[in-house]
PDB file of N, CA and C in Angstrom:
ATOM      1  N   MET A   1       0.840  -1.174   0.000  1.00  0.00           N
ATOM      2  CA  MET A   1       0.000   0.000   0.000  1.00  0.00           C
ATOM      3  C   MET A   1       0.888   1.241   0.000  1.00  0.00           C
ATOM      4  N   LEU A   2       0.545   2.209  -0.841  1.00  0.00           N
ATOM      5  CA  LEU A   2       1.305   3.452  -0.920  1.00  0.00           C
ATOM      6  C   LEU A   2       0.934   4.398   0.209  1.00  0.00           C
ATOM      7  N   SER A   3       1.935   5.052   0.737  1.00  0.00           N
ATOM      8  CA  SER A   3       1.688   6.064   1.763  1.00  0.00           C
ATOM      9  C   SER A   3       1.516   7.427   1.098  1.00  0.00           C
ATOM     10  N   ILE A   4       1.071   8.392   1.876  1.00  0.00           N
ATOM     11  CA  ILE A   4       0.971   9.763   1.367  1.00  0.00           C
ATOM     12  C   ILE A   4       2.355  10.236   0.922  1.00  0.00           C
ATOM     13  N   ARG A   5       3.385   9.901   1.678  1.00  0.00           N
ATOM     14  CA  ARG A   5       4.755  10.293   1.329  1.00  0.00           C
ATOM     15  C   ARG A   5       5.140   9.731  -0.031  1.00  0.00           C
ATOM     16  N   ASP A   6       4.774   8.466  -0.302  1.00  0.00           N
ATOM     17  CA  ASP A   6       5.061   7.847  -1.604  1.00  0.00           C
ATOM     18  C   ASP A   6       4.397   8.645  -2.727  1.00  0.00           C
ATOM     19  N   CYS A   7       3.167   9.039  -2.507  1.00  0.00           N
ATOM     20  CA  CYS A   7       2.435   9.817  -3.518  1.00  0.00           C
ATOM     21  C   CYS A   7       3.092  11.173  -3.749  1.00  0.00           C
ATOM     22  N   LEU A   8       3.473  11.842  -2.670  1.00  0.00           N
ATOM     23  CA  LEU A   8       4.105  13.147  -2.795  1.00  0.00           C
ATOM     24  C   LEU A   8       5.426  13.034  -3.549  1.00  0.00           C
ATOM     25  N   ASP A   9       6.204  12.019  -3.220  1.00  0.00           N
ATOM     26  CA  ASP A   9       7.483  11.815  -3.902  1.00  0.00           C
ATOM     27  C   ASP A   9       7.268  11.495  -5.375  1.00  0.00           C
ATOM     28  N   TYR A  10       6.283  10.677  -5.668  1.00  0.00           N
ATOM     29  CA  TYR A  10       5.992  10.305  -7.052  1.00  0.00           C
ATOM     30  C   TYR A  10       5.576  11.529  -7.874  1.00  0.00           C
ATOM     31  N   CYS A  11       4.780  12.397  -7.283  1.00  0.00           N
ATOM     32  CA  CYS A  11       4.257  13.570  -7.987  1.00  0.00           C
ATOM     33  C   CYS A  11       5.213  14.757  -7.920  1.00  0.00           C
ATOM     34  N   ASP A  12       6.316  14.611  -7.183  1.00  0.00           N
ATOM     35  CA  ASP A  12       7.304  15.675  -7.038  1.00  0.00           C
ATOM     36  C   ASP A  12       6.680  16.935  -6.444  1.00  0.00           C
ATOM     37  N   ILE A  13       5.968  16.745  -5.322  1.00  0.00           N
ATOM     38  CA  ILE A  13       5.390  17.872  -4.598  1.00  0.00           C
ATOM     39  C   ILE A  13       5.840  17.795  -3.143  1.00  0.00           C
ATOM     40  N   THR A  14       5.785  18.921  -2.472  1.00  0.00           N
ATOM     41  CA  THR A  14       6.273  18.996  -1.100  1.00  0.00           C
ATOM     42  C   THR A  14       5.122  19.085  -0.101  1.00  0.00           C
ATOM     43  N   ASP A  15       5.467  18.817   1.137  1.00  0.00           N
ATOM     44  CA  ASP A  15       4.484  18.963   2.213  1.00  0.00           C
ATOM     45  C   ASP A  15       3.986  20.402   2.305  1.00  0.00           C
ATOM     46  N   ASP A  16       4.882  21.353   2.087  1.00  0.00           N
ATOM     47  CA  ASP A  16       4.482  22.762   2.152  1.00  0.00           C
ATOM     48  C   ASP A  16       3.476  23.112   1.060  1.00  0.00           C
ATOM     49  N   GLU A  17       3.676  22.569  -0.132  1.00  0.00           N
ATOM     50  CA  GLU A  17       2.733  22.818  -1.233  1.00  0.00           C
ATOM     51  C   GLU A  17       1.366  22.230  -0.897  1.00  0.00           C
ATOM     52  N   VAL A  18       1.380  21.040  -0.345  1.00  0.00           N
ATOM     53  CA  VAL A  18       0.123  20.394   0.059  1.00  0.00           C
ATOM     54  C   VAL A  18      -0.555  21.215   1.149  1.00  0.00           C
ATOM     55  N   ALA A  19       0.226  21.700   2.096  1.00  0.00           N
ATOM     56  CA  ALA A  19      -0.348  22.495   3.191  1.00  0.00           C
ATOM     57  C   ALA A  19      -1.023  23.759   2.674  1.00  0.00           C
ATOM     58  N   LEU A  20      -0.415  24.409   1.671  1.00  0.00           N
ATOM     59  CA  LEU A  20      -1.040  25.608   1.110  1.00  0.00           C
ATOM     60  C   LEU A  20      -2.361  25.277   0.428  1.00  0.00           C
ATOM     61  N   VAL A  21      -2.392  24.203  -0.316  1.00  0.00           N
ATOM     62  CA  VAL A  21      -3.639  23.811  -0.988  1.00  0.00           C
ATOM     63  C   VAL A  21      -4.691  23.422   0.048  1.00  0.00           C
ATOM     64  N   ALA A  22      -4.267  22.711   1.084  1.00  0.00           N
ATOM     65  CA  ALA A  22      -5.206  22.338   2.149  1.00  0.00           C
ATOM     66  C   ALA A  22      -5.810  23.578   2.795  1.00  0.00           C
ATOM     67  N   GLU A  23      -4.965  24.570   3.055  1.00  0.00           N
ATOM     68  CA  GLU A  23      -5.463  25.819   3.647  1.00  0.00           C
ATOM     69  C   GLU A  23      -6.401  26.534   2.681  1.00  0.00           C
ATOM     70  N   HIS A  24      -5.996  26.634   1.425  1.00  0.00           N
ATOM     71  CA  HIS A  24      -6.810  27.344   0.434  1.00  0.00           C
ATOM     72  C   HIS A  24      -8.184  26.716   0.280  1.00  0.00           C
ATOM     73  N   GLU A  25      -8.215  25.397   0.252  1.00  0.00           N
ATOM     74  CA  GLU A  25      -9.473  24.688   0.020  1.00  0.00           C
ATOM     75  C   GLU A  25     -10.215  24.315   1.305  1.00  0.00           C
ATOM     76  N   GLY A  26      -9.574  24.501   2.454  1.00  0.00           N
ATOM     77  CA  GLY A  26     -10.204  24.161   3.726  1.00  0.00           C
ATOM     78  C   GLY A  26     -10.431  22.671   3.888  1.00  0.00           C
ATOM     79  N   ILE A  27      -9.434  21.883   3.467  1.00  0.00           N
ATOM     80  CA  ILE A  27      -9.543  20.424   3.547  1.00  0.00           C
ATOM     81  C   ILE A  27      -8.323  19.874   4.283  1.00  0.00           C
ATOM     82  N   PRO A  28      -8.420  18.649   4.797  1.00  0.00           N
ATOM     83  CA  PRO A  28      -7.267  18.042   5.480  1.00  0.00           C
ATOM     84  C   PRO A  28      -6.096  17.833   4.515  1.00  0.00           C
ATOM     85  N   ASP A  29      -4.894  17.789   5.094  1.00  0.00           N
ATOM     86  CA  ASP A  29      -3.692  17.593   4.287  1.00  0.00           C
ATOM     87  C   ASP A  29      -3.742  16.313   3.449  1.00  0.00           C
ATOM     88  N   ALA A  30      -4.271  15.234   4.010  1.00  0.00           N
ATOM     89  CA  ALA A  30      -4.330  13.971   3.259  1.00  0.00           C
ATOM     90  C   ALA A  30      -5.198  14.109   2.010  1.00  0.00           C
ATOM     91  N   ALA A  31      -6.305  14.813   2.136  1.00  0.00           N
ATOM     92  CA  ALA A  31      -7.168  15.035   0.976  1.00  0.00           C
ATOM     93  C   ALA A  31      -6.491  15.973  -0.017  1.00  0.00           C
ATOM     94  N   ALA A  32      -5.826  16.999   0.499  1.00  0.00           N
ATOM     95  CA  ALA A  32      -5.125  17.943  -0.378  1.00  0.00           C
ATOM     96  C   ALA A  32      -4.015  17.237  -1.153  1.00  0.00           C
ATOM     97  N   ALA A  33      -3.334  16.303  -0.515  1.00  0.00           N
ATOM     98  CA  ALA A  33      -2.267  15.560  -1.197  1.00  0.00           C
ATOM     99  C   ALA A  33      -2.828  14.814  -2.406  1.00  0.00           C
ATOM    100  N   GLN A  34      -3.978  14.221  -2.252  1.00  0.00           N
ATOM    101  CA  GLN A  34      -4.605  13.512  -3.369  1.00  0.00           C
ATOM    102  C   GLN A  34      -5.002  14.480  -4.476  1.00  0.00           C
ATOM    103  N   VAL A  35      -5.551  15.620  -4.094  1.00  0.00           N
ATOM    104  CA  VAL A  35      -5.947  16.631  -5.076  1.00  0.00           C
ATOM    105  C   VAL A  35      -4.726  17.128  -5.842  1.00  0.00           C
ATOM    106  N   VAL A  36      -3.680  17.471  -5.111  1.00  0.00           N
ATOM    107  CA  VAL A  36      -2.469  18.000  -5.742  1.00  0.00           C
ATOM    108  C   VAL A  36      -1.848  16.965  -6.675  1.00  0.00           C
ATOM    109  N   CYS A  37      -1.779  15.709  -6.230  1.00  0.00           N
ATOM    110  CA  CYS A  37      -1.206  14.656  -7.082  1.00  0.00           C
ATOM    111  C   CYS A  37      -1.963  14.539  -8.399  1.00  0.00           C
ATOM    112  N   GLY A  38      -3.253  14.694  -8.362  1.00  0.00           N
ATOM    113  CA  GLY A  38      -4.035  14.630  -9.587  1.00  0.00           C
ATOM    114  C   GLY A  38      -3.855  15.864 -10.454  1.00  0.00           C
ATOM    115  N   LEU A  39      -3.910  17.031  -9.835  1.00  0.00           N
ATOM    116  CA  LEU A  39      -3.842  18.278 -10.603  1.00  0.00           C
ATOM    117  C   LEU A  39      -2.474  18.519 -11.226  1.00  0.00           C
ATOM    118  N   VAL A  40      -1.421  18.091 -10.564  1.00  0.00           N
ATOM    119  CA  VAL A  40      -0.079  18.369 -11.056  1.00  0.00           C
ATOM    120  C   VAL A  40       0.246  17.597 -12.342  1.00  0.00           C
ATOM    121  N   GLN A  41      -0.624  16.694 -12.727  1.00  0.00           N
ATOM    122  CA  GLN A  41      -0.399  15.872 -13.916  1.00  0.00           C
ATOM    123  C   GLN A  41      -0.733  16.590 -15.223  1.00  0.00           C
ATOM    124  N   THR A  42      -1.415  17.742 -15.138  1.00  0.00           N
ATOM    125  CA  THR A  42      -1.811  18.455 -16.360  1.00  0.00           C
ATOM    126  C   THR A  42      -1.403  19.922 -16.270  1.00  0.00           C
ATOM    127  N   PRO A  43      -1.168  20.567 -17.412  1.00  0.00           N
ATOM    128  CA  PRO A  43      -0.846  21.997 -17.389  1.00  0.00           C
ATOM    129  C   PRO A  43      -1.954  22.830 -16.743  1.00  0.00           C
ATOM    130  N   GLU A  44      -3.191  22.464 -17.000  1.00  0.00           N
ATOM    131  CA  GLU A  44      -4.321  23.197 -16.404  1.00  0.00           C
ATOM    132  C   GLU A  44      -4.319  23.043 -14.885  1.00  0.00           C
ATOM    133  N   GLY A  45      -3.991  21.853 -14.421  1.00  0.00           N
ATOM    134  CA  GLY A  45      -3.914  21.610 -12.982  1.00  0.00           C
ATOM    135  C   GLY A  45      -2.781  22.380 -12.337  1.00  0.00           C
ATOM    136  N   VAL A  46      -1.631  22.430 -13.005  1.00  0.00           N
ATOM    137  CA  VAL A  46      -0.491  23.194 -12.491  1.00  0.00           C
ATOM    138  C   VAL A  46      -0.865  24.669 -12.399  1.00  0.00           C
ATOM    139  N   LEU A  47      -1.547  25.178 -13.402  1.00  0.00           N
ATOM    140  CA  LEU A  47      -1.989  26.572 -13.381  1.00  0.00           C
ATOM    141  C   LEU A  47      -2.950  26.816 -12.214  1.00  0.00           C
ATOM    142  N   LEU A  48      -3.877  25.916 -12.010  1.00  0.00           N
ATOM    143  CA  LEU A  48      -4.832  26.054 -10.914  1.00  0.00           C
ATOM    144  C   LEU A  48      -4.115  26.042  -9.572  1.00  0.00           C
ATOM    145  N   LEU A  49      -3.178  25.116  -9.381  1.00  0.00           N
ATOM    146  CA  LEU A  49      -2.428  25.050  -8.129  1.00  0.00           C
ATOM    147  C   LEU A  49      -1.609  26.322  -7.912  1.00  0.00           C
ATOM    148  N   THR A  50      -0.993  26.818  -8.971  1.00  0.00           N
ATOM    149  CA  THR A  50      -0.237  28.066  -8.879  1.00  0.00           C
ATOM    150  C   THR A  50      -1.151  29.211  -8.447  1.00  0.00           C
ATOM    151  N   ASN A  51      -2.334  29.269  -9.031  1.00  0.00           N
ATOM    152  CA  ASN A  51      -3.288  30.324  -8.663  1.00  0.00           C
ATOM    153  C   ASN A  51      -3.747  30.193  -7.221  1.00  0.00           C
ATOM    154  N   PHE A  52      -3.936  28.956  -6.723  1.00  0.00           N
ATOM    155  CA  PHE A  52      -4.289  28.751  -5.315  1.00  0.00           C
ATOM    156  C   PHE A  52      -3.210  29.370  -4.427  1.00  0.00           C
ATOM    157  N   MET A  53      -1.958  29.062  -4.757  1.00  0.00           N
ATOM    158  CA  MET A  53      -0.851  29.536  -3.924  1.00  0.00           C
ATOM    159  C   MET A  53      -0.712  31.050  -3.987  1.00  0.00           C
ATOM    160  N   LEU A  54      -0.830  31.617  -5.180  1.00  0.00           N
ATOM    161  CA  LEU A  54      -0.745  33.066  -5.317  1.00  0.00           C
ATOM    162  C   LEU A  54      -1.893  33.761  -4.593  1.00  0.00           C
ATOM    163  N   ASP A  55      -3.063  33.121  -4.573  1.00  0.00           N
ATOM    164  CA  ASP A  55      -4.206  33.662  -3.853  1.00  0.00           C
ATOM    165  C   ASP A  55      -3.904  33.745  -2.360  1.00  0.00           C
ATOM    166  N   LEU A  56      -3.237  32.728  -1.830  1.00  0.00           N
ATOM    167  CA  LEU A  56      -2.884  32.752  -0.408  1.00  0.00           C
ATOM    168  C   LEU A  56      -1.848  33.836  -0.108  1.00  0.00           C
ATOM    169  N   VAL A  57      -0.928  34.066  -1.025  1.00  0.00           N
ATOM    170  CA  VAL A  57       0.035  35.157  -0.858  1.00  0.00           C
ATOM    171  C   VAL A  57      -0.727  36.479  -0.770  1.00  0.00           C
ATOM    172  N   GLU A  58      -1.652  36.667  -1.677  1.00  0.00           N
ATOM    173  CA  GLU A  58      -2.442  37.904  -1.707  1.00  0.00           C
ATOM    174  C   GLU A  58      -3.265  38.070  -0.430  1.00  0.00           C
ATOM    175  N   ARG A  59      -3.910  36.993   0.010  1.00  0.00           N
ATOM    176  CA  ARG A  59      -4.716  37.060   1.238  1.00  0.00           C
ATOM    177  C   ARG A  59      -3.856  37.443   2.441  1.00  0.00           C
ATOM    178  N   ALA A  60      -2.675  36.818   2.537  1.00  0.00           N
ATOM    179  CA  ALA A  60      -1.784  37.109   3.665  1.00  0.00           C
ATOM    180  C   ALA A  60      -1.330  38.570   3.617  1.00  0.00           C
ATOM    181  N   ASN A  61      -1.017  39.057   2.438  1.00  0.00           N
ATOM    182  CA  ASN A  61      -0.634  40.465   2.298  1.00  0.00           C
ATOM    183  C   ASN A  61      -1.761  41.391   2.714  1.00  0.00           C
ATOM    184  N   GLU A  62      -2.987  41.067   2.305  1.00  0.00           N
ATOM    185  CA  GLU A  62      -4.147  41.895   2.653  1.00  0.00           C
ATOM    186  C   GLU A  62      -4.387  41.925   4.160  1.00  0.00           C
ATOM    187  N   CYS A  63      -4.056  40.819   4.823  1.00  0.00           N
ATOM    188  CA  CYS A  63      -4.234  40.736   6.279  1.00  0.00           C
ATOM    189  C   CYS A  63      -3.038  41.305   7.031  1.00  0.00           C
ATOM    190  N   GLY A  64      -2.001  41.705   6.297  1.00  0.00           N
ATOM    191  CA  GLY A  64      -0.823  42.255   6.938  1.00  0.00           C
ATOM    192  C   GLY A  64       0.090  41.215   7.567  1.00  0.00           C
ATOM    193  N   ASP A  65      -0.093  39.966   7.203  1.00  0.00           N
ATOM    194  CA  ASP A  65       0.733  38.889   7.741  1.00  0.00           C
ATOM    195  C   ASP A  65       1.919  38.663   6.802  1.00  0.00           C
ATOM    196  N   GLU A  66       2.941  39.483   7.004  1.00  0.00           N
ATOM    197  CA  GLU A  66       4.092  39.458   6.103  1.00  0.00           C
ATOM    198  C   GLU A  66       4.845  38.135   6.151  1.00  0.00           C
ATOM    199  N   GLU A  67       4.937  37.544   7.326  1.00  0.00           N
ATOM    200  CA  GLU A  67       5.648  36.269   7.471  1.00  0.00           C
ATOM    201  C   GLU A  67       4.944  35.159   6.678  1.00  0.00           C
ATOM    202  N   LYS A  68       3.639  35.097   6.818  1.00  0.00           N
ATOM    203  CA  LYS A  68       2.865  34.088   6.092  1.00  0.00           C
ATOM    204  C   LYS A  68       2.939  34.338   4.584  1.00  0.00           C
ATOM    205  N   ALA A  69       2.869  35.591   4.186  1.00  0.00           N
ATOM    206  CA  ALA A  69       2.946  35.928   2.762  1.00  0.00           C
ATOM    207  C   ALA A  69       4.301  35.521   2.193  1.00  0.00           C
ATOM    208  N   ALA A  70       5.361  35.776   2.928  1.00  0.00           N
ATOM    209  CA  ALA A  70       6.704  35.428   2.456  1.00  0.00           C
ATOM    210  C   ALA A  70       6.864  33.923   2.323  1.00  0.00           C
ATOM    211  N   LYS A  71       6.347  33.176   3.291  1.00  0.00           N
ATOM    212  CA  LYS A  71       6.452  31.711   3.220  1.00  0.00           C
ATOM    213  C   LYS A  71       5.649  31.178   2.040  1.00  0.00           C
ATOM    214  N   ALA A  72       4.424  31.659   1.879  1.00  0.00           N
ATOM    215  CA  ALA A  72       3.589  31.199   0.762  1.00  0.00           C
ATOM    216  C   ALA A  72       4.232  31.564  -0.576  1.00  0.00           C
ATOM    217  N   LYS A  73       4.819  32.740  -0.649  1.00  0.00           N
ATOM    218  CA  LYS A  73       5.478  33.175  -1.878  1.00  0.00           C
ATOM    219  C   LYS A  73       6.671  32.279  -2.191  1.00  0.00           C
ATOM    220  N   SER A  74       7.424  31.923  -1.164  1.00  0.00           N
ATOM    221  CA  SER A  74       8.578  31.045  -1.335  1.00  0.00           C
ATOM    222  C   SER A  74       8.150  29.657  -1.806  1.00  0.00           C
ATOM    223  N   VAL A  75       7.107  29.116  -1.193  1.00  0.00           N
ATOM    224  CA  VAL A  75       6.595  27.803  -1.586  1.00  0.00           C
ATOM    225  C   VAL A  75       6.092  27.849  -3.025  1.00  0.00           C
ATOM    226  N   CYS A  76       5.384  28.905  -3.360  1.00  0.00           N
ATOM    227  CA  CYS A  76       4.854  29.056  -4.717  1.00  0.00           C
ATOM    228  C   CYS A  76       5.986  29.167  -5.738  1.00  0.00           C
ATOM    229  N   ALA A  77       7.023  29.911  -5.403  1.00  0.00           N
ATOM    230  CA  ALA A  77       8.163  30.069  -6.322  1.00  0.00           C
ATOM    231  C   ALA A  77       8.838  28.719  -6.574  1.00  0.00           C
ATOM    232  N   ARG A  78       8.982  27.938  -5.529  1.00  0.00           N
ATOM    233  CA  ARG A  78       9.589  26.609  -5.708  1.00  0.00           C
ATOM    234  C   ARG A  78       8.694  25.722  -6.568  1.00  0.00           C
ATOM    235  N   PHE A  79       7.392  25.763  -6.286  1.00  0.00           N
ATOM    236  CA  PHE A  79       6.450  24.971  -7.088  1.00  0.00           C
ATOM    237  C   PHE A  79       6.536  25.359  -8.557  1.00  0.00           C
ATOM    238  N   MET A  80       6.566  26.652  -8.819  1.00  0.00           N
ATOM    239  CA  MET A  80       6.622  27.122 -10.208  1.00  0.00           C
ATOM    240  C   MET A  80       7.940  26.708 -10.880  1.00  0.00           C
ATOM    241  N   ALA A  81       9.027  26.692 -10.123  1.00  0.00           N
ATOM    242  CA  ALA A  81      10.307  26.252 -10.679  1.00  0.00           C
ATOM    243  C   ALA A  81      10.301  24.756 -10.980  1.00  0.00           C
ATOM    244  N   ASP A  82       9.670  23.991 -10.092  1.00  0.00           N
ATOM    245  CA  ASP A  82       9.611  22.530 -10.269  1.00  0.00           C
ATOM    246  C   ASP A  82       8.591  22.109 -11.313  1.00  0.00           C
ATOM    247  N   HIS A  83       7.571  22.943 -11.519  1.00  0.00           N
ATOM    248  CA  HIS A  83       6.475  22.608 -12.443  1.00  0.00           C
ATOM    249  C   HIS A  83       6.203  23.801 -13.362  1.00  0.00           C
ATOM    250  N   PRO A  84       7.158  24.104 -14.250  1.00  0.00           N
ATOM    251  CA  PRO A  84       6.982  25.283 -15.117  1.00  0.00           C
ATOM    252  C   PRO A  84       5.797  25.104 -16.063  1.00  0.00           C
ATOM    253  N   LEU A  85       5.110  26.191 -16.280  1.00  0.00           N
ATOM    254  CA  LEU A  85       3.991  26.190 -17.217  1.00  0.00           C
ATOM    255  C   LEU A  85       4.547  26.320 -18.620  1.00  0.00           C
ATOM    256  N   THR A  86       4.111  25.457 -19.497  1.00  0.00           N
ATOM    257  CA  THR A  86       4.521  25.546 -20.893  1.00  0.00           C
ATOM    258  C   THR A  86       3.336  26.055 -21.686  1.00  0.00           C
ATOM    259  N   HIS A  87       3.598  26.990 -22.570  1.00  0.00           N
ATOM    260  CA  HIS A  87       2.504  27.605 -23.344  1.00  0.00           C
ATOM    261  C   HIS A  87       2.598  27.157 -24.766  1.00  0.00           C
TER     262      HIS A  87
END
């Protein structure tokens, strides 16, 4: 049986990326891991995940939470580097 860690490693995603999606969607990390693993397989899914993360950066900035915004921005930048959008 595959663990969540196996899925994350297979899909080349991090715990931090999953945590951002879980926060954005208001779902548990285990459910977010499954969502992310599925979405990261397509360009449209990568775009959607990128938008989720950028939305959290914007929300944190609007709330004045600079630390949270910086962390989300860093996670998003890594995700975008690991999963570049091809046009």
